[in-house]
Protein backbone atom coordinates (compact mmCIF):
# COMPACT_ATOMS: atom_id res chain seq x y z
CA MET A 1 -0.45 0.10 0.04
CA ASP A 2 0.97 3.43 -0.81
CA ASN A 3 -0.94 4.46 2.02
CA GLN A 4 -0.20 8.05 3.76
CA ILE A 5 -1.28 8.18 7.11
CA ARG A 6 -1.72 11.48 8.70
CA TYR A 7 -1.99 13.50 12.33
CA GLY A 8 -2.29 16.09 14.26
CA PHE A 9 -2.78 17.53 18.12
CA SER A 10 -3.94 21.25 18.10
CA ARG A 11 -2.17 23.29 20.25
CA LYS A 12 -3.08 27.01 22.18
CA GLU A 13 -2.48 29.15 19.30
CA ASP A 14 -5.26 26.89 16.83
CA GLY A 15 -7.73 27.75 19.50
CA ARG A 16 -9.99 26.88 22.22
CA MET A 17 -11.69 23.78 19.84
CA GLY A 18 -14.77 23.00 22.54
CA VAL A 19 -16.31 20.33 23.93
CA LEU A 20 -19.71 19.14 22.33
CA ARG A 21 -22.41 20.33 24.69
CA THR A 22 -21.10 24.28 24.93
CA ASP A 23 -21.14 24.64 20.87
CA ASP A 24 -19.81 27.81 20.08
CA ALA A 25 -19.32 29.64 16.16
CA GLN A 26 -15.83 29.75 17.35
CA HIS A 27 -15.42 26.99 18.02
CA ILE A 28 -16.54 24.88 15.14
CA SER A 29 -14.36 27.63 12.39
CA ASN A 30 -11.32 26.92 14.91
CA ARG A 31 -12.27 23.28 14.39
CA ARG A 32 -12.80 23.61 10.54
CA ARG A 33 -9.24 25.16 9.97
CA PHE A 34 -7.28 22.81 12.00
CA ALA A 35 -8.51 19.51 10.14
CA SER A 36 -8.83 21.75 6.51
CA LEU A 37 -5.15 23.52 6.55
CA GLY A 38 -3.93 22.12 9.64
CA LEU A 39 -4.22 18.20 8.35
CA GLY A 40 -5.44 18.64 4.83
CA ILE A 41 -8.37 16.56 5.54
CA ASN A 42 -11.55 17.56 4.60
CA PRO A 43 -13.84 18.99 7.18
CA SER A 44 -17.53 16.63 6.21
CA LYS A 45 -15.20 13.97 6.64
CA ILE A 46 -14.99 13.79 10.13
CA ALA A 47 -16.33 10.92 12.95
CA THR A 48 -15.91 12.18 16.49
CA ALA A 49 -15.76 10.29 19.50
CA ASN A 50 -18.72 10.75 21.60
CA LEU A 51 -16.05 11.54 25.12
CA THR A 52 -17.83 9.43 27.87
CA GLN A 53 -14.16 8.70 30.27
CA GLY A 54 -14.85 5.32 29.48
CA CYS A 55 -14.01 2.38 28.18
CA LYS A 56 -15.98 1.79 24.39
CA ALA A 57 -14.04 2.09 21.36
CA ALA A 58 -16.22 1.64 17.52
CA ILE A 59 -15.57 0.31 13.61
CA VAL A 60 -16.65 3.68 11.93
CA SER A 61 -17.18 3.80 8.17
CA GLU A 62 -18.01 7.21 6.21
CA LYS A 63 -21.60 6.78 6.21
CA ASP A 64 -20.51 8.42 9.72
CA CYS A 65 -18.77 10.72 9.10
CA GLY A 66 -20.01 14.35 10.43
CA SER A 67 -21.46 11.96 13.28
CA VAL A 68 -20.81 11.79 16.96
CA ILE A 69 -20.67 8.45 17.94
CA SER A 70 -22.45 7.83 21.17
CA ASP A 71 -21.13 6.46 24.28
CA THR A 72 -17.23 5.80 22.76
CA ASP A 73 -13.51 6.78 23.44
CA ALA A 74 -12.15 5.25 20.63
CA LEU A 75 -12.74 4.73 17.13
CA ILE A 76 -10.87 2.94 14.38
CA THR A 77 -11.40 3.14 10.91
CA GLN A 78 -10.19 1.15 7.22
CA THR A 79 -11.39 3.66 4.98
CA PRO A 80 -9.30 6.25 3.42
CA GLU A 81 -10.09 10.04 3.63
CA VAL A 82 -11.88 9.26 6.66
CA GLY A 83 -10.46 11.43 10.33
CA LEU A 84 -11.10 10.62 13.49
CA ARG A 85 -10.61 12.67 16.08
CA ILE A 86 -11.11 13.39 19.73
CA PHE A 87 -10.65 16.09 22.15
CA THR A 88 -8.52 16.51 25.10
CA GLN A 89 -7.39 18.70 27.80
CA ASP A 90 -4.92 17.19 29.93
CA CYS A 91 -5.50 13.05 29.08
CA VAL A 92 -4.39 11.38 26.58
CA PRO A 93 -4.80 10.94 22.72
CA VAL A 94 -3.74 7.92 21.70
CA PHE A 95 -3.17 7.34 17.51
CA PHE A 96 -2.16 4.25 15.41
CA HIS A 97 -1.86 2.41 12.60
CA ASP A 98 -0.46 -0.75 11.36
CA LEU A 99 2.33 -1.00 9.07
CA GLU A 100 0.26 -2.01 5.53
CA LYS A 101 -0.76 2.08 6.15
CA THR A 102 -4.85 -0.04 5.76
CA THR A 103 -5.46 0.64 9.34
CA ILE A 104 -5.91 3.89 12.23
CA GLY A 105 -7.85 4.21 15.26
CA ILE A 106 -7.42 6.82 18.02
CA ILE A 107 -8.52 6.37 21.79
CA HIS A 108 -8.51 9.48 24.55
CA ALA A 109 -7.16 7.72 27.74
CA GLY A 110 -7.42 9.19 30.53
CA TRP A 111 -6.75 7.57 34.15
CA ARG A 112 -10.94 6.26 34.14
CA GLY A 113 -10.34 4.74 30.17
CA ILE A 114 -7.04 3.39 31.24
CA LYS A 115 -8.28 1.76 34.23
CA THR A 116 -11.68 0.14 33.30
CA GLY A 117 -10.03 -0.61 29.57
CA ILE A 118 -10.63 1.48 26.93
CA ILE A 119 -6.68 0.12 25.34
CA GLU A 120 -7.39 -3.57 25.46
CA ASN A 121 -11.09 -3.36 24.31
CA THR A 122 -9.79 -0.71 21.40
CA PHE A 123 -7.16 -3.38 20.25
CA ALA A 124 -10.75 -6.60 20.12
CA LEU A 125 -11.59 -4.78 17.79
CA ASN A 126 -8.55 -4.27 16.37
CA GLN A 127 -8.02 -8.23 16.39
CA ARG A 128 -11.89 -8.03 14.27
CA LEU A 129 -10.42 -6.53 12.12
CA GLY A 130 -7.00 -9.13 11.93
CA ILE A 131 -4.82 -6.37 12.64
CA SER A 132 -2.30 -8.24 15.62
CA ALA A 133 -0.85 -5.81 18.33
CA GLN A 134 2.56 -6.99 16.17
CA ASN A 135 1.66 -5.07 14.14
CA LEU A 136 0.51 -1.56 14.94
CA LYS A 137 2.73 1.75 15.76
CA ILE A 138 1.74 3.64 18.62
CA SER A 139 1.90 7.68 19.49
CA MET A 140 0.57 9.74 22.25
CA GLY A 141 0.76 13.26 21.62
CA PRO A 142 1.16 16.24 23.90
CA SER A 143 -0.52 15.05 27.54
CA ILE A 144 -0.41 16.13 31.54
CA SER A 145 3.39 14.81 32.65
CA GLN A 146 4.45 12.71 36.00
CA CYS A 147 5.95 15.91 36.59
CA CYS A 148 2.68 17.48 36.93
CA TYR A 149 -0.10 14.88 37.65
CA GLU A 150 -0.75 15.01 41.83
CA ILE A 151 -3.99 11.66 41.93
CA ASP A 152 -5.09 10.96 45.67
CA GLY A 153 -8.18 8.74 46.92
CA GLU A 154 -10.07 6.68 44.01
CA GLU A 155 -7.59 7.02 41.40
CA ALA A 156 -4.11 7.26 43.78
CA ASP A 157 -5.54 3.17 45.20
CA TYR A 158 -5.51 1.57 41.76
CA PHE A 159 -2.64 2.91 40.14
CA LEU A 160 -0.13 2.67 42.99
CA SER A 161 -1.76 -1.05 43.78
CA ARG A 162 -2.28 -2.42 39.98
CA HIS A 163 0.67 0.35 37.90
CA PRO A 164 3.74 1.21 41.74
CA SER A 165 6.64 1.97 38.78
CA CYS A 166 4.05 4.91 37.12
CA THR A 167 3.88 6.74 40.10
CA ALA A 168 6.56 8.36 41.81
CA ARG A 169 6.17 10.44 45.27
CA ASN A 170 7.67 14.09 45.94
CA ASP A 171 6.78 16.06 49.57
CA GLY A 172 4.26 13.53 50.45
CA LYS A 173 1.93 13.74 47.60
CA THR A 174 1.42 10.65 44.46
CA TYR A 175 1.87 11.63 40.97
CA LEU A 176 1.02 9.98 37.96
CA SER A 177 2.63 9.13 35.37
CA LEU A 178 -0.37 8.30 32.10
CA GLN A 179 2.47 7.69 29.11
CA SER A 180 3.64 4.81 31.31
CA ALA A 181 0.65 3.60 31.97
CA ILE A 182 -0.74 3.13 29.00
CA ASN A 183 3.07 1.85 27.46
CA GLU A 184 2.71 -1.02 30.50
CA LYS A 185 -0.69 -2.02 29.58
CA LEU A 186 0.61 -1.82 25.31
CA LEU A 187 3.77 -3.67 26.81
CA LEU A 188 1.38 -6.81 27.83
CA LEU A 189 -0.30 -6.77 24.93
CA ASN A 190 2.91 -7.46 22.35
CA VAL A 191 2.82 -4.04 20.76
CA PHE A 192 6.91 -4.02 20.36
CA PRO A 193 7.96 -1.24 22.37
CA GLU A 194 9.90 0.13 19.30
CA ASN A 195 6.90 0.95 17.95
CA ILE A 196 5.76 2.79 20.44
CA PHE A 197 6.63 7.17 20.79
CA ILE A 198 5.54 9.51 23.46
CA ASN A 199 5.66 12.11 23.16
CA PRO A 200 7.15 14.93 25.89
CA ASP A 201 5.56 17.56 25.80
CA CYS A 202 3.79 18.56 29.38
CA THR A 203 -0.27 19.82 28.98
CA PHE A 204 0.63 21.71 32.94
CA CYS A 205 2.89 23.10 32.18
CA ALA A 206 4.74 23.68 28.38
CA LYS A 207 5.24 26.70 27.11
CA ASP A 208 7.34 28.16 24.11
CA TYR A 209 8.25 32.04 23.73
CA SER A 210 4.17 33.12 23.45
CA GLY A 211 3.85 31.18 27.64
CA TYR A 212 2.34 28.08 28.02
CA LYS A 213 1.58 25.73 24.91
CA TYR A 214 -1.47 24.36 25.95
CA PHE A 215 -4.80 24.25 27.05
CA SER A 216 -4.95 22.29 30.72
CA TRP A 217 -7.86 21.28 32.48
CA ARG A 218 -5.59 20.86 36.20
CA ARG A 219 -4.09 24.25 35.44
CA ASP A 220 -6.59 26.52 34.45
CA ARG A 221 -10.41 24.94 34.49
CA GLN A 222 -11.64 26.86 31.80
CA ILE A 223 -14.17 24.51 29.95
CA GLY A 224 -14.33 24.61 26.15
CA ALA A 225 -10.70 24.65 26.58
CA THR A 226 -9.56 21.69 24.42
CA HIS A 227 -7.16 20.00 21.84
CA ALA A 228 -8.84 18.43 18.74
CA SER A 229 -6.69 15.32 17.81
CA ILE A 230 -7.40 13.61 13.99
CA ILE A 231 -6.28 11.27 12.52
CA THR A 232 -6.80 9.36 8.70
CA ILE A 233 -5.82 7.57 5.91
CA LEU A 234 -4.21 9.80 2.11
CA PRO A 235 -4.42 7.55 -0.24
CA ARG A 236 -1.58 7.73 -2.82
CA SER A 237 -3.16 10.37 -5.48
CA ARG A 238 -4.52 12.58 -2.80
CA ILE A 239 -0.57 12.59 -1.41
């Protein structure tokens, strides 16, 4: 196959991407501009996960373009030119594709989804499509990092017991690396470590010449201040 995988993650400078419950004209304009100008994706050919902080994934196709797929935190497609989209603030956007570039997917991975099996359930759907974990490349986009992600309560109980190596103690507080927890799960699912890429940027503290590079719920508590993550397969004729 001579297809090309194209994916991307918006930054603060791209504008607020909003949330599906509080759409306004500016959010919609920002989304369309990022998709079309930033990634070369037709905004009308995008399927969007509803995002429930849950563990359900769905397989979509061209008939789902323009739709919000209910009760999902992960999407998969084998249809070229269909874009898959999620919105995040501090959670981890996980992009993936197979080595033959026939299958793509995107996962919204927050701590609840990691705990309840969003990674495993998405890979189970991949298996149904005949795509093995050993045949996948994974890329985690910018998200909150261990340096800034303090946890307690139910969240701390789970990760301290199930993923202790992904936590750290500092001044009596517990900090979590969501990326490391995802990486552990990917390795258990038999993804090759050399096929896993983790973006080092922390959405809470990463800065550039203009200030903070990303929005962060933990830092700012602003509804609608989200990033868009999109992935698509472009056929050779479009490249």
